[in-house]
Every structure is written in C-alpha cells, then in structure tokens.
Amino acid sequence: MTPFHATGTSFLGALGLGVSQSIWNCSGWDNASTIGGEIEDSSAAYPRALARALPLVTAVYLLTVIPVLALTDWTAWTDGAWPVLAAAVIGPWLGVWIALAG
C-alpha cells in the first residue's frame, strides 16, 4: 500500500499542507458576518444560506476532484497542473477556461 503523499515528502509535511489547503479553501465563509447588520432577519437567513451553500460547494469540489483523481496519476501533478488535467480529462476548452479563470 502506497502512502497518499508525494515521494520525497513526509507524512507530517503532507498533512500540514493538506490542513493549510483546507483552511484556505474554507476562508471567506466568515466574511458573510461583516454585512449581517444590512440583512433583514439575518439570524434566520444565514443558517438557510449556509444549509444551501455548503452542500453545493461540497458537490462542486467532489465533482471536480474525483474524476481527475480516478483518471490521472496524482503523483505526477505539479504546481499549476489543473488546466492541463482539465484539458486531458474533459477537453481543451476546459483547460483554457481554467487557465483564464485561475
């Protein structure tokens, strides 16, 4: 069984990178509170919005990462590989779109 981290990295290094990536991915959720005073009935609106947004964001992450993990060799990924991976898995148009959006 091979470890789920790149060759030449330690488990703790990979874990630290994963944790920092998770924190970065979740940043911004707390920023909604800065306009709480502007929203009518924010104590009810925020939980409803989060209950709708969180499953959608999770689905988007899973729908993009799982096919790429299944169809490519993750150990060969490099920095900035998403446009190349998207072009290989879906088509050149998506690679260009991700490069422009990124």
Protein backbone atom coordinates (compact mmCIF):
# COMPACT_ATOMS: atom_id res chain seq x y z
CA MET A 1 0.00 0.00 0.00
CA THR A 2 1.46 3.34 -1.01
CA PRO A 3 1.06 6.40 1.19
CA PHE A 4 -1.18 9.17 -0.06
CA HIS A 5 1.54 11.78 -0.37
CA ALA A 6 4.16 12.56 -2.96
CA THR A 7 7.52 10.83 -2.99
CA GLY A 8 10.12 12.76 -1.04
CA THR A 9 7.66 14.30 1.41
CA SER A 10 6.95 13.18 4.95
CA PHE A 11 3.53 12.26 6.23
CA LEU A 12 3.52 15.24 8.59
CA GLY A 13 4.57 17.58 5.79
CA ALA A 14 1.76 16.28 3.58
CA LEU A 15 -0.70 16.53 6.47
CA GLY A 16 0.35 20.12 7.17
CA LEU A 17 -0.06 21.01 3.51
CA GLY A 18 -3.49 19.39 3.48
CA VAL A 19 -4.58 21.28 6.58
CA SER A 20 -3.36 24.60 5.20
CA GLN A 21 -5.12 23.91 1.89
CA SER A 22 -8.34 23.08 3.74
CA ILE A 23 -8.13 26.30 5.74
CA TRP A 24 -7.53 28.29 2.56
CA ASN A 25 -10.49 26.57 0.84
CA CYS A 26 -12.76 27.47 3.75
CA SER A 27 -11.63 31.07 4.09
CA GLY A 28 -14.31 33.53 3.23
CA TRP A 29 -17.20 31.78 4.95
CA ASP A 30 -16.68 34.05 7.96
CA ASN A 31 -16.82 37.20 5.83
CA ALA A 32 -20.59 36.95 5.49
CA SER A 33 -20.92 38.21 9.05
CA THR A 34 -19.47 41.60 8.13
CA ILE A 35 -22.74 42.59 6.44
CA GLY A 36 -25.03 40.91 8.96
CA GLY A 37 -26.48 44.24 10.05
CA GLU A 38 -27.59 45.00 6.50
CA ILE A 39 -29.62 41.81 6.08
CA GLU A 40 -33.20 41.60 7.22
CA ASP A 41 -33.65 38.76 9.74
CA SER A 42 -30.04 37.68 9.38
CA SER A 43 -30.32 35.19 12.24
CA ALA A 44 -32.67 33.12 10.07
CA ALA A 45 -31.22 33.99 6.66
CA TYR A 46 -27.63 32.94 7.39
CA PRO A 47 -28.42 29.38 8.52
CA ARG A 48 -30.66 28.90 5.47
CA ALA A 49 -27.98 30.23 3.14
CA LEU A 50 -25.28 28.06 4.70
CA ALA A 51 -27.52 24.99 4.59
CA ARG A 52 -27.90 25.53 0.84
CA ALA A 53 -24.39 26.70 0.00
CA LEU A 54 -22.35 24.10 1.88
CA PRO A 55 -23.76 21.04 0.05
CA LEU A 56 -23.41 22.83 -3.30
CA VAL A 57 -19.77 23.78 -2.65
CA THR A 58 -19.00 20.25 -1.45
CA ALA A 59 -20.61 18.77 -4.57
CA VAL A 60 -18.59 21.06 -6.85
CA TYR A 61 -15.34 20.05 -5.13
CA LEU A 62 -16.19 16.36 -5.34
CA LEU A 63 -17.42 16.54 -8.94
CA THR A 64 -14.14 18.13 -10.00
CA VAL A 65 -11.62 16.24 -7.89
CA ILE A 66 -12.92 12.65 -8.02
CA PRO A 67 -12.83 12.23 -11.83
CA VAL A 68 -9.38 13.80 -12.04
CA LEU A 69 -8.10 11.53 -9.26
CA ALA A 70 -9.60 8.48 -10.97
CA LEU A 71 -8.31 9.27 -14.47
CA THR A 72 -4.83 10.67 -13.80
CA ASP A 73 -1.74 9.81 -11.78
CA TRP A 74 -1.89 12.22 -8.85
CA THR A 75 1.80 11.63 -8.03
CA ALA A 76 2.74 13.33 -11.31
CA TRP A 77 0.81 16.52 -10.55
CA THR A 78 2.83 19.72 -10.37
CA ASP A 79 2.06 23.31 -9.44
CA GLY A 80 -0.42 24.79 -11.89
CA ALA A 81 -1.46 21.37 -13.23
CA TRP A 82 -5.24 21.91 -13.14
CA PRO A 83 -5.56 23.43 -16.65
CA VAL A 84 -3.54 20.54 -18.13
CA LEU A 85 -5.51 17.95 -16.16
CA ALA A 86 -8.84 19.50 -17.14
CA ALA A 87 -7.82 19.54 -20.80
CA ALA A 88 -6.78 15.87 -20.60
CA VAL A 89 -9.89 14.67 -18.76
CA ILE A 90 -12.65 16.86 -20.27
CA GLY A 91 -11.24 18.69 -23.26
CA PRO A 92 -9.01 21.57 -24.35
CA TRP A 93 -11.79 24.14 -23.90
CA LEU A 94 -11.95 23.45 -20.15
CA GLY A 95 -8.17 23.69 -19.79
CA VAL A 96 -8.24 27.13 -21.40
CA TRP A 97 -11.20 28.20 -19.27
CA ILE A 98 -9.50 27.14 -16.02
CA ALA A 99 -6.23 28.82 -17.02
CA LEU A 100 -8.06 32.08 -17.73
CA ALA A 101 -10.15 31.87 -14.55
CA GLY A 102 -7.27 30.88 -12.31
